[in-house]
Amino acid sequence: MTTSNRYRVIIRCPACGEKYILRGKRNEEGEYETGFKQCICGNEEQLNIEVSPE
């Protein structure tokens, strides 16, 4: 089993300082799918995202 198509996604919220570490895959549009919707403070738009291969 290969995990080269999985990515470690770190999402930081500048509004409240919360940090999420998730695993995701790249979809056909080139975006990363993690299932993340919004921060606990309600922020959906202004998020800092870092991606690295696993």
PDB file of N, CA and C in Angstrom:
ATOM      1  N   MET A   1       0.845  -1.192   0.000  1.00  0.00           N
ATOM      2  CA  MET A   1       0.000   0.000   0.000  1.00  0.00           C
ATOM      3  C   MET A   1       0.886   1.251   0.000  1.00  0.00           C
ATOM      4  N   THR A   2       0.611   2.144  -0.878  1.00  0.00           N
ATOM      5  CA  THR A   2       1.392   3.373  -0.990  1.00  0.00           C
ATOM      6  C   THR A   2       0.588   4.563  -0.482  1.00  0.00           C
ATOM      7  N   THR A   3       1.262   5.464   0.195  1.00  0.00           N
ATOM      8  CA  THR A   3       0.592   6.654   0.721  1.00  0.00           C
ATOM      9  C   THR A   3       1.108   7.912   0.041  1.00  0.00           C
ATOM     10  N   SER A   4       1.732   7.787  -1.128  1.00  0.00           N
ATOM     11  CA  SER A   4       2.305   8.942  -1.809  1.00  0.00           C
ATOM     12  C   SER A   4       1.242   9.920  -2.304  1.00  0.00           C
ATOM     13  N   ASN A   5      -0.012   9.482  -2.407  1.00  0.00           N
ATOM     14  CA  ASN A   5      -1.066  10.384  -2.858  1.00  0.00           C
ATOM     15  C   ASN A   5      -1.793  11.040  -1.684  1.00  0.00           C
ATOM     16  N   ARG A   6      -1.324  10.823  -0.467  1.00  0.00           N
ATOM     17  CA  ARG A   6      -1.912  11.463   0.711  1.00  0.00           C
ATOM     18  C   ARG A   6      -1.030  12.626   1.141  1.00  0.00           C
ATOM     19  N   TYR A   7      -1.663  13.643   1.711  1.00  0.00           N
ATOM     20  CA  TYR A   7      -0.955  14.848   2.110  1.00  0.00           C
ATOM     21  C   TYR A   7      -1.288  15.196   3.552  1.00  0.00           C
ATOM     22  N   ARG A   8      -0.317  15.800   4.227  1.00  0.00           N
ATOM     23  CA  ARG A   8      -0.540  16.344   5.569  1.00  0.00           C
ATOM     24  C   ARG A   8      -0.914  17.804   5.382  1.00  0.00           C
ATOM     25  N   VAL A   9      -2.088  18.186   5.879  1.00  0.00           N
ATOM     26  CA  VAL A   9      -2.608  19.539   5.694  1.00  0.00           C
ATOM     27  C   VAL A   9      -2.710  20.191   7.066  1.00  0.00           C
ATOM     28  N   ILE A  10      -2.024  21.320   7.233  1.00  0.00           N
ATOM     29  CA  ILE A  10      -2.088  22.081   8.476  1.00  0.00           C
ATOM     30  C   ILE A  10      -2.879  23.350   8.200  1.00  0.00           C
ATOM     31  N   ILE A  11      -3.955  23.529   8.948  1.00  0.00           N
ATOM     32  CA  ILE A  11      -4.828  24.696   8.778  1.00  0.00           C
ATOM     33  C   ILE A  11      -4.745  25.521  10.054  1.00  0.00           C
ATOM     34  N   ARG A  12      -4.399  26.805   9.902  1.00  0.00           N
ATOM     35  CA  ARG A  12      -4.340  27.714  11.045  1.00  0.00           C
ATOM     36  C   ARG A  12      -5.342  28.842  10.837  1.00  0.00           C
ATOM     37  N   CYS A  13      -6.045  29.169  11.906  1.00  0.00           N
ATOM     38  CA  CYS A  13      -7.024  30.259  11.865  1.00  0.00           C
ATOM     39  C   CYS A  13      -6.381  31.506  12.459  1.00  0.00           C
ATOM     40  N   PRO A  14      -6.225  32.578  11.674  1.00  0.00           N
ATOM     41  CA  PRO A  14      -5.633  33.802  12.222  1.00  0.00           C
ATOM     42  C   PRO A  14      -6.581  34.547  13.160  1.00  0.00           C
ATOM     43  N   ALA A  15      -7.874  34.263  13.099  1.00  0.00           N
ATOM     44  CA  ALA A  15      -8.836  34.964  13.945  1.00  0.00           C
ATOM     45  C   ALA A  15      -8.738  34.525  15.405  1.00  0.00           C
ATOM     46  N   CYS A  16      -8.622  33.207  15.638  1.00  0.00           N
ATOM     47  CA  CYS A  16      -8.605  32.723  17.030  1.00  0.00           C
ATOM     48  C   CYS A  16      -7.329  31.979  17.391  1.00  0.00           C
ATOM     49  N   GLY A  17      -6.480  31.662  16.403  1.00  0.00           N
ATOM     50  CA  GLY A  17      -5.221  30.988  16.668  1.00  0.00           C
ATOM     51  C   GLY A  17      -5.313  29.471  16.715  1.00  0.00           C
ATOM     52  N   GLU A  18      -6.463  28.900  16.419  1.00  0.00           N
ATOM     53  CA  GLU A  18      -6.641  27.439  16.436  1.00  0.00           C
ATOM     54  C   GLU A  18      -5.840  26.799  15.306  1.00  0.00           C
ATOM     55  N   LYS A  19      -5.344  25.587  15.550  1.00  0.00           N
ATOM     56  CA  LYS A  19      -4.537  24.858  14.566  1.00  0.00           C
ATOM     57  C   LYS A  19      -5.117  23.462  14.390  1.00  0.00           C
ATOM     58  N   TYR A  20      -5.270  23.048  13.132  1.00  0.00           N
ATOM     59  CA  TYR A  20      -5.802  21.722  12.795  1.00  0.00           C
ATOM     60  C   TYR A  20      -4.775  21.001  11.941  1.00  0.00           C
ATOM     61  N   ILE A  21      -4.512  19.732  12.253  1.00  0.00           N
ATOM     62  CA  ILE A  21      -3.623  18.903  11.450  1.00  0.00           C
ATOM     63  C   ILE A  21      -4.461  17.758  10.893  1.00  0.00           C
ATOM     64  N   LEU A  22      -4.580  17.708   9.567  1.00  0.00           N
ATOM     65  CA  LEU A  22      -5.457  16.749   8.903  1.00  0.00           C
ATOM     66  C   LEU A  22      -4.700  16.010   7.803  1.00  0.00           C
ATOM     67  N   ARG A  23      -5.283  14.924   7.341  1.00  0.00           N
ATOM     68  CA  ARG A  23      -4.782  14.213   6.171  1.00  0.00           C
ATOM     69  C   ARG A  23      -5.787  14.401   5.051  1.00  0.00           C
ATOM     70  N   GLY A  24      -5.271  14.530   3.835  1.00  0.00           N
ATOM     71  CA  GLY A  24      -6.177  14.722   2.715  1.00  0.00           C
ATOM     72  C   GLY A  24      -5.590  14.200   1.423  1.00  0.00           C
ATOM     73  N   LYS A  25      -6.427  14.222   0.411  1.00  0.00           N
ATOM     74  CA  LYS A  25      -6.032  13.823  -0.941  1.00  0.00           C
ATOM     75  C   LYS A  25      -6.338  14.966  -1.885  1.00  0.00           C
ATOM     76  N   ARG A  26      -5.662  14.964  -3.019  1.00  0.00           N
ATOM     77  CA  ARG A  26      -5.891  15.979  -4.040  1.00  0.00           C
ATOM     78  C   ARG A  26      -7.001  15.516  -4.968  1.00  0.00           C
ATOM     79  N   ASN A  27      -7.951  16.405  -5.267  1.00  0.00           N
ATOM     80  CA  ASN A  27      -9.035  16.042  -6.184  1.00  0.00           C
ATOM     81  C   ASN A  27      -8.699  16.481  -7.607  1.00  0.00           C
ATOM     82  N   GLU A  28      -9.636  16.277  -8.534  1.00  0.00           N
ATOM     83  CA  GLU A  28      -9.406  16.569  -9.949  1.00  0.00           C
ATOM     84  C   GLU A  28      -9.160  18.048 -10.220  1.00  0.00           C
ATOM     85  N   GLU A  29      -9.700  18.926  -9.388  1.00  0.00           N
ATOM     86  CA  GLU A  29      -9.525  20.366  -9.574  1.00  0.00           C
ATOM     87  C   GLU A  29      -8.209  20.873  -8.997  1.00  0.00           C
ATOM     88  N   GLY A  30      -7.434  19.985  -8.345  1.00  0.00           N
ATOM     89  CA  GLY A  30      -6.167  20.397  -7.756  1.00  0.00           C
ATOM     90  C   GLY A  30      -6.292  20.898  -6.333  1.00  0.00           C
ATOM     91  N   GLU A  31      -7.480  20.794  -5.740  1.00  0.00           N
ATOM     92  CA  GLU A  31      -7.699  21.219  -4.364  1.00  0.00           C
ATOM     93  C   GLU A  31      -7.473  20.034  -3.433  1.00  0.00           C
ATOM     94  N   TYR A  32      -7.250  20.317  -2.168  1.00  0.00           N
ATOM     95  CA  TYR A  32      -7.025  19.263  -1.182  1.00  0.00           C
ATOM     96  C   TYR A  32      -8.315  18.987  -0.421  1.00  0.00           C
ATOM     97  N   GLU A  33      -8.749  17.735  -0.440  1.00  0.00           N
ATOM     98  CA  GLU A  33      -9.963  17.307   0.245  1.00  0.00           C
ATOM     99  C   GLU A  33      -9.607  16.738   1.613  1.00  0.00           C
ATOM    100  N   THR A  34     -10.082  17.397   2.673  1.00  0.00           N
ATOM    101  CA  THR A  34      -9.839  16.920   4.032  1.00  0.00           C
ATOM    102  C   THR A  34     -11.136  16.740   4.807  1.00  0.00           C
ATOM    103  N   GLY A  35     -12.215  17.310   4.332  1.00  0.00           N
ATOM    104  CA  GLY A  35     -13.471  17.285   5.066  1.00  0.00           C
ATOM    105  C   GLY A  35     -13.627  18.478   5.995  1.00  0.00           C
ATOM    106  N   PHE A  36     -12.624  19.368   6.052  1.00  0.00           N
ATOM    107  CA  PHE A  36     -12.668  20.549   6.910  1.00  0.00           C
ATOM    108  C   PHE A  36     -13.666  21.551   6.350  1.00  0.00           C
ATOM    109  N   LYS A  37     -14.549  22.067   7.198  1.00  0.00           N
ATOM    110  CA  LYS A  37     -15.559  23.035   6.757  1.00  0.00           C
ATOM    111  C   LYS A  37     -15.300  24.432   7.308  1.00  0.00           C
ATOM    112  N   GLN A  38     -15.133  24.549   8.649  1.00  0.00           N
ATOM    113  CA  GLN A  38     -14.902  25.853   9.256  1.00  0.00           C
ATOM    114  C   GLN A  38     -14.246  25.686  10.613  1.00  0.00           C
ATOM    115  N   CYS A  39     -13.634  26.744  11.096  1.00  0.00           N
ATOM    116  CA  CYS A  39     -13.005  26.760  12.410  1.00  0.00           C
ATOM    117  C   CYS A  39     -14.081  26.799  13.500  1.00  0.00           C
ATOM    118  N   ILE A  40     -13.712  26.480  14.714  1.00  0.00           N
ATOM    119  CA  ILE A  40     -14.687  26.511  15.812  1.00  0.00           C
ATOM    120  C   ILE A  40     -15.177  27.922  16.109  1.00  0.00           C
ATOM    121  N   CYS A  41     -14.409  28.938  15.687  1.00  0.00           N
ATOM    122  CA  CYS A  41     -14.850  30.322  15.895  1.00  0.00           C
ATOM    123  C   CYS A  41     -15.792  30.791  14.789  1.00  0.00           C
ATOM    124  N   GLY A  42     -16.030  29.945  13.774  1.00  0.00           N
ATOM    125  CA  GLY A  42     -16.942  30.304  12.688  1.00  0.00           C
ATOM    126  C   GLY A  42     -16.250  30.812  11.437  1.00  0.00           C
ATOM    127  N   ASN A  43     -14.941  30.979  11.477  1.00  0.00           N
ATOM    128  CA  ASN A  43     -14.185  31.469  10.326  1.00  0.00           C
ATOM    129  C   ASN A  43     -14.160  30.407   9.235  1.00  0.00           C
ATOM    130  N   GLU A  44     -14.586  30.767   8.023  1.00  0.00           N
ATOM    131  CA  GLU A  44     -14.582  29.856   6.877  1.00  0.00           C
ATOM    132  C   GLU A  44     -13.666  30.330   5.763  1.00  0.00           C
ATOM    133  N   GLU A  45     -13.353  31.613   5.714  1.00  0.00           N
ATOM    134  CA  GLU A  45     -12.685  32.200   4.559  1.00  0.00           C
ATOM    135  C   GLU A  45     -11.194  32.440   4.769  1.00  0.00           C
ATOM    136  N   GLN A  46     -10.813  33.085   5.854  1.00  0.00           N
ATOM    137  CA  GLN A  46      -9.423  33.502   6.049  1.00  0.00           C
ATOM    138  C   GLN A  46      -8.675  32.452   6.865  1.00  0.00           C
ATOM    139  N   LEU A  47      -8.148  31.448   6.177  1.00  0.00           N
ATOM    140  CA  LEU A  47      -7.410  30.374   6.824  1.00  0.00           C
ATOM    141  C   LEU A  47      -6.043  30.245   6.177  1.00  0.00           C
ATOM    142  N   ASN A  48      -5.012  29.997   6.983  1.00  0.00           N
ATOM    143  CA  ASN A  48      -3.665  29.748   6.479  1.00  0.00           C
ATOM    144  C   ASN A  48      -3.500  28.244   6.330  1.00  0.00           C
ATOM    145  N   ILE A  49      -3.162  27.788   5.114  1.00  0.00           N
ATOM    146  CA  ILE A  49      -3.088  26.357   4.825  1.00  0.00           C
ATOM    147  C   ILE A  49      -1.683  26.023   4.356  1.00  0.00           C
ATOM    148  N   GLU A  50      -1.075  25.008   4.993  1.00  0.00           N
ATOM    149  CA  GLU A  50       0.227  24.469   4.593  1.00  0.00           C
ATOM    150  C   GLU A  50       0.038  23.014   4.228  1.00  0.00           C
ATOM    151  N   VAL A  51       0.641  22.585   3.128  1.00  0.00           N
ATOM    152  CA  VAL A  51       0.494  21.207   2.653  1.00  0.00           C
ATOM    153  C   VAL A  51       1.873  20.598   2.427  1.00  0.00           C
ATOM    154  N   SER A  52       2.038  19.360   2.876  1.00  0.00           N
ATOM    155  CA  SER A  52       3.263  18.610   2.619  1.00  0.00           C
ATOM    156  C   SER A  52       2.905  17.154   2.378  1.00  0.00           C
ATOM    157  N   PRO A  53       3.657  16.462   1.508  1.00  0.00           N
ATOM    158  CA  PRO A  53       3.368  15.045   1.275  1.00  0.00           C
ATOM    159  C   PRO A  53       3.669  14.207   2.509  1.00  0.00           C
ATOM    160  N   GLU A  54       2.942  13.113   2.679  1.00  0.00           N
ATOM    161  CA  GLU A  54       3.157  12.226   3.815  1.00  0.00           C
ATOM    162  C   GLU A  54       4.234  11.237   3.509  1.00  0.00           C
TER     163      GLU A  54
END
